[in-house]
Every structure is written in structure tokens, then in C-alpha cells.
Amino acid sequence: MLGFSVYLNHDLTNNQINLIENMQQSGFKGIFTSLHIPEDDEQAYLPRLKELGGLCKKLKLSLTADISADGLKKMGIELDDIQQLAKIGLTALRVDDGVLMSDVAKLSRQMPIALNASTISAEDVDELHRCHANFKQLEAWHNYYPRPETGLDDDWLKAKNQWLKTQGFTTMAFVAGDEDLRGPIYAGLPTLESDRSEHPLAATLKLINHLAVDKVYIGDAGLSKRVRGQFEAYFNGNTVQLTVQSSNEALFESDWHNRPDVARDVVRLVEGRQRFTAVSPLQTASRPRGAITIDNERYGRYVGEFEIVKKTLAADPRVNVVSWVVPSDLALLPWIGSNCPIRFIKKG
């Protein structure tokens, strides 16, 4: 499942509402917000939360709030008042470490509850079982880390998640956005340090496919239209959408497909030899990672072979370089699997 973050440090703007609607249309299913409330802003948070909750109900989005019992009290709500929480529009709570496991167990029998994944211990799990927690409604959410160099280690996260899943938890982690980064540091809000500057979709796919993560949320408040489109193409159609620098309109006329047998060094596009039948030698330059190439007539029966380079290769007089994948999208190349559809988008 995919989600994104909306922060309530000011009233919802029309731009925010439009972004929420666009994210929902792109396949995102949930919103995360934080209710750790500044003392000078206590009265403003409840109406903002109600407005966000109403929008989530309208768009059929789940709404998870990071809360403390004190934060809820500031808004006049008790932690165990599930009816009032649901009325506001909250569908799940992420509780802080100060909430007793007995209270977590009680809450889990009424609504989904997320705990801090990093701090859940075997003793906590035992206590939750003793208190008859509903593990089908318990999730383990990792934090995001605003300060560079403090994000989690990949191997540690994987081991922790594998253990959490054996205990019955659904796991969740954050990736950084690529637009409207959250202050005061403005360095992205990922769970993993290795994802701080990573393409959001590539980071998401790594978490889901390699690191035992069930849900991924965008930690920052924004995704660019381009990256949002890449999420939509991948999760709605298993299509890897790549932005390219090219004036060759043939690249953009329809989708392409990787061969069923995946090559190590290049993506071999099935349709190439059908579409490019007469190719003269031109621009037979070196082939950096992300170069898009067509084999020319010097390659004999391979003329028209259409490829995306995954690993830097030397120049070959039999291979024309016709365009390039933009640097920010190179991280998506490893995720082009067997028979994977590929869509080229012209760089604006």
C-alpha cells in the first residue's frame, strides 16, 4: 500500500487539496499526519484535522495520525474515545512509546494501531498477547529521519522487519519526496539513510521487494507531477516510465517491452528490430549508463536492436546512441524486469 504525508501547521490550501486529490488518483491509498502540537497552535489543529478527515472520507483515503495522549487532550479528545476519533475521520493511530501495551491491546480491538517499529521488543509482544491484542490491526511503523546521516541501515531494517512480520505485524517505512521538502532541515524525510537522495519510486520498490516492508509512505509533503506519474504507471500498470532527452518522436509513440530473458548490461526492447529496419551508422559514441541505442547496419542481423544501457559500455561502431535517460531516473533501470512495459516521456 502507498501513502503520503499532510502536515497541519497551517490551514489546508487549495494547492494542498489539489495535491491530495492528484495523489489519490495516482493510486495512493492513505494519508499520514502528525498531531504533536505546538503550544501556541493548540486551538487550530482540531478544525484542520476535521477538514482533512472529511476530505479523506470523501476520497476514500485512510488517515493515520501520529499522536500522544497529551496531544489529543489538548484538542479535548481522550485516547480511548474511538467514536470521536472516527467521527473526525481518523482510521488509525500511531501511538508514542509512552502508551502502555495494555492500552494498545485495548485500542487494537477497535481500530488499527501503529507502534514504533524500532522499539518493539519481545517483551512488548508477549504483553500484547497477554492482553488479547488484535494483531490483525497492529502495525509497526518506522520513523523518518530529518537529519542527514541519522537514517537507518538497510540490513538492520530488513532484519527488524523480518522479525516483526514473524510476530504478526504489518510493516511500514517512509521514503523522501522530491518536492516541497519539510523544514527546518529540508533534506528529505526517509527511514533509510541510503534513500535520502534516492528516486522516490526506486526507494519504494527496494523497501517492498527487498526489505520486508508492506506499506510505504512519502515522508515529505510533495511529489512532483513527473514522479507521481511514474508511481501511477508502475502500480497501476507495472510500467516503468522513463524521462528521456530525445528529439526522436518514434520513442514516444507507444510503449515498449523488455525481453522475457533479462540481460545483464542492457534492457533489450522487443519491438526494436520490427520498427527500425534500415539504420545507418551515426553517433557511435561511448555508451554511459542510461544511453538509449540502436544497432546500425554494421551489426548485420542485429540491425534495429533497441536497448537501454544499464552499465557503462565502450563505443561500438555498430551501435548508434540516439538519446539518454535523465540522471534522476537512472535508479529505475534495475526495476525493469522480464516482459516489463516501458514508456518514454520527453523531458520538458
Protein backbone atom coordinates (compact mmCIF):
# COMPACT_ATOMS: atom_id res chain seq x y z
CA MET A 1 0.00 0.00 0.00
CA LEU A 2 1.15 3.53 -0.79
CA GLY A 3 0.57 6.63 1.30
CA PHE A 4 1.75 10.21 1.66
CA SER A 5 2.01 12.91 4.33
CA VAL A 6 -0.02 16.04 5.01
CA TYR A 7 1.08 18.37 7.80
CA LEU A 8 -1.30 20.65 9.67
CA ASN A 9 0.98 23.51 10.68
CA HIS A 10 -1.35 25.74 8.64
CA ASP A 11 -4.86 25.58 7.20
CA LEU A 12 -5.27 23.38 4.13
CA THR A 13 -4.68 25.40 0.97
CA ASN A 14 -6.27 24.86 -2.42
CA ASN A 15 -2.89 23.66 -3.68
CA GLN A 16 -2.74 21.05 -0.91
CA ILE A 17 -6.28 19.88 -1.61
CA ASN A 18 -5.45 19.57 -5.32
CA LEU A 19 -2.31 17.59 -4.48
CA ILE A 20 -4.27 15.24 -2.20
CA GLU A 21 -6.79 14.62 -4.98
CA ASN A 22 -3.99 14.05 -7.51
CA MET A 23 -2.20 11.62 -5.22
CA GLN A 24 -5.40 9.66 -4.72
CA GLN A 25 -5.91 9.49 -8.48
CA SER A 26 -2.33 8.22 -8.84
CA GLY A 27 -3.04 5.20 -6.65
CA PHE A 28 -2.10 6.38 -3.16
CA LYS A 29 -4.44 4.97 -0.52
CA GLY A 30 -3.56 6.63 2.77
CA ILE A 31 -2.50 9.85 4.48
CA PHE A 32 -0.20 10.27 7.47
CA THR A 33 -0.31 13.35 9.67
CA SER A 34 1.29 14.35 12.96
CA LEU A 35 -0.57 15.68 15.97
CA HIS A 36 2.43 16.66 18.05
CA ILE A 37 1.03 20.12 18.61
CA PRO A 38 2.96 23.33 19.36
CA GLU A 39 1.63 25.07 22.47
CA ASP A 40 0.87 28.26 20.56
CA ASP A 41 -1.26 26.43 17.98
CA GLU A 42 -3.48 24.12 20.05
CA GLN A 43 -6.82 25.61 19.02
CA ALA A 44 -6.10 25.49 15.28
CA TYR A 45 -5.30 21.78 14.98
CA LEU A 46 -8.74 20.28 15.62
CA PRO A 47 -10.58 22.17 12.83
CA ARG A 48 -7.68 21.45 10.46
CA LEU A 49 -7.81 17.76 11.37
CA LYS A 50 -11.57 17.67 10.88
CA GLU A 51 -11.21 19.26 7.43
CA LEU A 52 -8.52 16.75 6.46
CA GLY A 53 -10.60 13.89 7.85
CA GLY A 54 -13.62 14.99 5.84
CA LEU A 55 -11.54 15.14 2.67
CA CYS A 56 -10.16 11.64 3.35
CA LYS A 57 -13.68 10.26 3.79
CA LYS A 58 -14.74 11.86 0.52
CA LEU A 59 -11.75 10.41 -1.36
CA LYS A 60 -11.84 7.05 0.47
CA LEU A 61 -8.35 7.55 1.87
CA SER A 62 -7.25 6.13 5.20
CA LEU A 63 -5.97 8.69 7.72
CA THR A 64 -3.34 7.77 10.30
CA ALA A 65 -2.27 10.30 12.91
CA ASP A 66 0.92 10.23 14.97
CA ILE A 67 -0.38 11.15 18.41
CA SER A 68 0.27 11.23 22.11
CA ALA A 69 -2.37 11.12 24.81
CA ASP A 70 -1.38 14.67 25.80
CA GLY A 71 -1.73 15.88 22.22
CA LEU A 72 -5.26 14.54 22.00
CA LYS A 73 -6.17 16.07 25.36
CA LYS A 74 -5.07 19.47 24.05
CA MET A 75 -7.82 19.07 21.45
CA GLY A 76 -10.34 17.87 24.03
CA ILE A 77 -10.24 14.20 22.98
CA GLU A 78 -9.40 11.16 25.09
CA LEU A 79 -7.17 8.45 23.63
CA ASP A 80 -9.79 5.75 24.17
CA ASP A 81 -12.66 7.77 22.66
CA ILE A 82 -12.70 5.76 19.44
CA GLN A 83 -16.10 7.07 18.41
CA GLN A 84 -14.90 10.67 18.49
CA LEU A 85 -11.68 9.78 16.67
CA ALA A 86 -13.66 8.05 13.92
CA LYS A 87 -16.05 10.99 13.71
CA ILE A 88 -13.11 13.29 13.00
CA GLY A 89 -12.07 10.97 10.19
CA LEU A 90 -9.14 9.12 11.75
CA THR A 91 -8.98 5.49 10.66
CA ALA A 92 -5.77 4.52 12.51
CA LEU A 93 -3.47 5.84 15.24
CA ARG A 94 0.30 5.75 15.55
CA VAL A 95 0.89 5.86 19.28
CA ASP A 96 4.06 7.00 21.00
CA ASP A 97 6.26 4.92 23.26
CA GLY A 98 4.59 6.25 26.39
CA VAL A 99 1.32 4.37 25.83
CA LEU A 100 1.04 1.14 27.84
CA MET A 101 0.84 -2.13 25.92
CA SER A 102 -2.39 -2.93 27.77
CA ASP A 103 -3.93 0.25 26.33
CA VAL A 104 -2.54 -0.57 22.88
CA ALA A 105 -4.15 -4.01 23.08
CA LYS A 106 -7.49 -2.49 24.04
CA LEU A 107 -7.33 0.05 21.21
CA SER A 108 -6.35 -2.64 18.69
CA ARG A 109 -9.64 -4.40 19.28
CA GLN A 110 -11.41 -1.28 17.98
CA MET A 111 -9.21 0.26 15.25
CA PRO A 112 -5.82 -0.20 13.53
CA ILE A 113 -2.91 0.85 15.76
CA ALA A 114 0.67 1.50 14.67
CA LEU A 115 3.60 1.20 17.07
CA ASN A 116 7.16 2.48 16.75
CA ALA A 117 8.80 -0.35 14.79
CA SER A 118 12.29 0.41 16.08
CA THR A 119 11.41 -0.01 19.75
CA ILE A 120 9.03 -3.00 19.73
CA SER A 121 10.58 -5.74 21.88
CA ALA A 122 9.83 -9.41 22.51
CA GLU A 123 8.53 -8.37 25.93
CA ASP A 124 6.11 -5.94 24.29
CA VAL A 125 4.82 -8.70 22.02
CA ASP A 126 4.32 -11.02 24.99
CA GLU A 127 2.40 -8.30 26.83
CA LEU A 128 0.20 -7.64 23.81
CA HIS A 129 -0.66 -11.35 23.62
CA ARG A 130 -1.43 -11.45 27.35
CA CYS A 131 -3.78 -8.50 26.89
CA HIS A 132 -5.52 -10.13 23.89
CA ALA A 133 -4.43 -7.59 21.29
CA ASN A 134 -5.85 -7.99 17.79
CA PHE A 135 -2.65 -8.48 15.77
CA LYS A 136 -4.61 -8.15 12.54
CA GLN A 137 -4.94 -4.47 13.47
CA LEU A 138 -1.39 -3.92 14.72
CA GLU A 139 1.22 -2.31 12.51
CA ALA A 140 4.89 -1.48 13.03
CA TRP A 141 5.78 1.93 11.59
CA HIS A 142 9.36 3.12 11.30
CA ASN A 143 10.23 6.77 11.86
CA TYR A 144 11.57 9.18 9.29
CA TYR A 145 14.89 10.89 9.99
CA PRO A 146 15.19 14.59 9.03
CA ARG A 147 18.90 14.96 9.84
CA PRO A 148 21.34 13.62 7.25
CA GLU A 149 23.46 10.67 8.46
CA THR A 150 20.87 9.52 11.03
CA GLY A 151 18.65 7.37 8.80
CA LEU A 152 18.54 3.64 9.43
CA ASP A 153 20.83 0.99 7.99
CA ASP A 154 19.37 -1.22 5.23
CA ASP A 155 20.46 -4.54 6.75
CA TRP A 156 19.24 -3.60 10.22
CA LEU A 157 15.84 -2.57 8.84
CA LYS A 158 15.49 -5.83 6.93
CA ALA A 159 16.31 -7.97 9.96
CA LYS A 160 13.95 -5.97 12.19
CA ASN A 161 11.12 -6.19 9.67
CA GLN A 162 11.56 -9.91 9.16
CA TRP A 163 11.25 -10.41 12.92
CA LEU A 164 8.25 -8.08 13.16
CA LYS A 165 6.45 -9.98 10.40
CA THR A 166 7.00 -13.30 12.19
CA GLN A 167 5.28 -11.70 15.19
CA GLY A 168 2.24 -10.78 13.08
CA PHE A 169 2.87 -7.06 12.44
CA THR A 170 2.28 -5.21 9.18
CA THR A 171 5.42 -3.14 8.49
CA MET A 172 5.74 0.40 7.18
CA ALA A 173 8.56 2.81 6.25
CA PHE A 174 8.96 6.28 4.74
CA VAL A 175 10.75 7.50 1.62
CA ALA A 176 11.68 11.11 0.89
CA GLY A 177 9.68 13.23 -1.54
CA ASP A 178 11.22 15.18 -4.41
CA GLU A 179 9.27 18.41 -3.93
CA ASP A 180 8.21 20.63 -1.01
CA LEU A 181 10.76 19.07 1.38
CA ARG A 182 9.84 19.64 5.00
CA GLY A 183 11.79 22.06 7.18
CA PRO A 184 13.68 23.06 9.13
CA ILE A 185 16.41 20.88 7.58
CA TYR A 186 14.90 20.37 4.09
CA ALA A 187 16.97 17.21 3.50
CA GLY A 188 14.15 14.74 2.93
CA LEU A 189 12.24 12.54 5.36
CA PRO A 190 13.28 8.93 4.66
CA THR A 191 13.52 5.97 7.01
CA LEU A 192 16.75 4.71 5.40
CA GLU A 193 19.80 6.92 5.04
CA SER A 194 20.52 5.31 1.67
CA ASP A 195 17.17 6.62 0.42
CA ARG A 196 17.71 10.28 1.35
CA SER A 197 18.53 11.39 -2.20
CA GLU A 198 17.09 8.37 -3.98
CA HIS A 199 14.34 8.47 -6.58
CA PRO A 200 11.13 8.02 -4.51
CA LEU A 201 9.81 5.18 -6.68
CA ALA A 202 13.14 3.32 -6.70
CA ALA A 203 13.34 3.67 -2.91
CA THR A 204 9.77 2.39 -2.58
CA LEU A 205 10.43 -0.66 -4.76
CA LYS A 206 13.55 -1.53 -2.77
CA LEU A 207 11.64 -1.40 0.52
CA ILE A 208 8.79 -3.55 -0.76
CA ASN A 209 10.81 -6.10 -2.72
CA HIS A 210 13.97 -6.47 -0.64
CA LEU A 211 13.44 -5.15 2.88
CA ALA A 212 10.17 -6.75 4.06
CA VAL A 213 8.10 -3.55 4.04
CA ASP A 214 4.33 -3.80 3.47
CA LYS A 215 3.42 -0.11 3.32
CA VAL A 216 5.42 2.86 2.05
CA TYR A 217 4.54 6.50 2.74
CA ILE A 218 6.13 9.64 1.31
CA GLY A 219 7.56 11.47 4.33
CA ASP A 220 7.77 14.92 2.77
CA ALA A 221 4.73 16.91 1.76
CA GLY A 222 5.24 16.79 -2.00
CA LEU A 223 5.89 14.67 -5.07
CA SER A 224 6.50 16.27 -8.44
CA LYS A 225 3.96 15.66 -11.20
CA ARG A 226 6.59 13.67 -13.10
CA VAL A 227 7.33 11.27 -10.22
CA ARG A 228 3.65 11.00 -9.34
CA GLY A 229 3.06 9.83 -12.91
CA GLN A 230 5.82 7.25 -12.52
CA PHE A 231 4.17 5.84 -9.39
CA GLU A 232 0.83 5.68 -11.19
CA ALA A 233 2.32 3.95 -14.25
CA TYR A 234 4.11 1.36 -12.14
CA PHE A 235 1.47 0.48 -9.58
CA ASN A 236 -1.50 0.71 -11.94
CA GLY A 237 0.11 -0.92 -14.98
CA ASN A 238 3.50 -2.37 -13.93
CA THR A 239 5.04 0.10 -16.40
CA VAL A 240 8.42 1.76 -15.82
CA GLN A 241 8.11 5.32 -17.10
CA LEU A 242 11.42 6.96 -18.01
CA THR A 243 12.07 10.61 -18.80
CA VAL A 244 14.44 10.93 -21.77
CA GLN A 245 16.28 13.62 -23.70
CA SER A 246 15.46 12.98 -27.35
CA SER A 247 14.03 14.55 -30.48
CA ASN A 248 13.21 11.13 -31.95
CA GLU A 249 9.41 11.08 -31.88
CA ALA A 250 9.32 7.34 -32.58
CA LEU A 251 10.34 6.75 -28.96
CA PHE A 252 7.18 8.35 -27.63
CA GLU A 253 4.55 6.89 -29.95
CA SER A 254 3.79 3.76 -27.89
CA ASP A 255 5.01 1.59 -25.03
CA TRP A 256 7.99 -0.75 -25.39
CA HIS A 257 8.72 -4.05 -23.63
CA ASN A 258 11.80 -5.71 -22.17
CA ARG A 259 12.53 -9.19 -23.47
CA PRO A 260 11.48 -12.15 -21.26
CA ASP A 261 15.17 -13.10 -20.84
CA VAL A 262 16.70 -10.23 -18.85
CA ALA A 263 20.19 -9.16 -19.99
CA ARG A 264 22.86 -8.08 -17.51
CA ASP A 265 24.21 -4.96 -19.24
CA VAL A 266 21.27 -3.63 -21.24
CA VAL A 267 17.49 -3.59 -21.46
CA ARG A 268 16.63 -5.20 -24.82
CA LEU A 269 13.39 -3.80 -26.18
CA VAL A 270 11.43 -6.42 -28.10
CA GLU A 271 9.90 -4.09 -30.68
CA GLY A 272 13.19 -2.57 -31.89
CA ARG A 273 14.01 -4.82 -34.82
CA GLN A 274 10.41 -4.69 -36.00
CA ARG A 275 10.36 -0.87 -36.10
CA PHE A 276 13.93 0.06 -37.07
CA THR A 277 14.82 -1.90 -40.20
CA ALA A 278 17.21 0.45 -42.01
CA VAL A 279 19.73 2.16 -39.71
CA SER A 280 22.87 3.91 -40.99
CA PRO A 281 25.88 4.44 -38.67
CA LEU A 282 25.52 7.73 -36.75
CA GLN A 283 26.72 8.97 -33.35
CA THR A 284 28.57 5.75 -32.47
CA ALA A 285 29.80 7.26 -29.21
CA SER A 286 30.55 5.79 -25.80
CA ARG A 287 27.51 4.42 -24.02
CA PRO A 288 27.11 5.70 -20.45
CA ARG A 289 24.53 4.22 -18.15
CA GLY A 290 21.12 5.38 -19.38
CA ALA A 291 22.14 5.72 -23.03
CA ILE A 292 19.45 4.60 -25.49
CA THR A 293 20.92 2.87 -28.51
CA ILE A 294 20.00 1.30 -31.87
CA ASP A 295 22.26 -1.17 -33.66
CA ASN A 296 23.12 0.03 -37.16
CA GLU A 297 23.56 -1.92 -40.41
CA ARG A 298 27.15 -2.86 -39.47
CA TYR A 299 25.72 -5.31 -36.90
CA GLY A 300 24.21 -7.49 -39.60
CA ARG A 301 21.12 -9.35 -38.46
CA TYR A 302 21.01 -7.31 -35.23
CA VAL A 303 20.21 -4.10 -37.13
CA GLY A 304 17.43 -2.29 -35.27
CA GLU A 305 18.30 -3.87 -31.89
CA PHE A 306 16.96 -1.24 -29.46
CA GLU A 307 18.49 -1.04 -26.00
CA ILE A 308 18.78 0.97 -22.78
CA VAL A 309 22.26 0.71 -21.27
CA LYS A 310 22.31 -0.42 -17.62
CA LYS A 311 26.10 -0.50 -17.25
CA THR A 312 28.55 1.93 -18.90
CA LEU A 313 29.87 0.43 -22.14
CA ALA A 314 32.56 1.49 -24.61
CA ALA A 315 31.75 2.96 -28.01
CA ASP A 316 30.98 0.44 -30.74
CA PRO A 317 30.94 1.44 -34.44
CA ARG A 318 27.96 -0.90 -34.87
CA VAL A 319 25.83 0.88 -32.22
CA ASN A 320 24.22 4.34 -32.55
CA VAL A 321 23.50 6.39 -29.42
CA VAL A 322 20.15 8.09 -30.05
CA SER A 323 19.11 9.52 -26.66
CA TRP A 324 19.57 9.36 -22.89
CA VAL A 325 17.54 8.68 -19.79
CA VAL A 326 17.73 11.72 -17.48
CA PRO A 327 20.09 11.19 -14.50
CA SER A 328 17.30 11.30 -11.91
CA ASP A 329 15.60 8.27 -13.49
CA LEU A 330 18.65 6.01 -13.74
CA ALA A 331 17.73 4.43 -10.40
CA LEU A 332 14.67 2.90 -12.07
CA LEU A 333 16.67 0.82 -14.57
CA PRO A 334 17.24 -2.15 -12.19
CA TRP A 335 13.46 -2.45 -11.78
CA ILE A 336 12.85 -3.23 -15.45
CA GLY A 337 12.11 -6.94 -15.23
CA SER A 338 11.10 -9.70 -17.61
CA ASN A 339 8.50 -8.55 -20.17
CA CYS A 340 8.21 -5.21 -18.31
CA PRO A 341 6.43 -2.43 -20.24
CA ILE A 342 8.49 0.75 -20.64
CA ARG A 343 7.13 4.18 -21.50
CA PHE A 344 9.37 7.04 -22.60
CA ILE A 345 8.36 10.58 -21.65
CA LYS A 346 10.06 13.52 -23.33
CA LYS A 347 11.91 15.82 -20.97
CA GLY A 348 10.08 19.14 -20.83
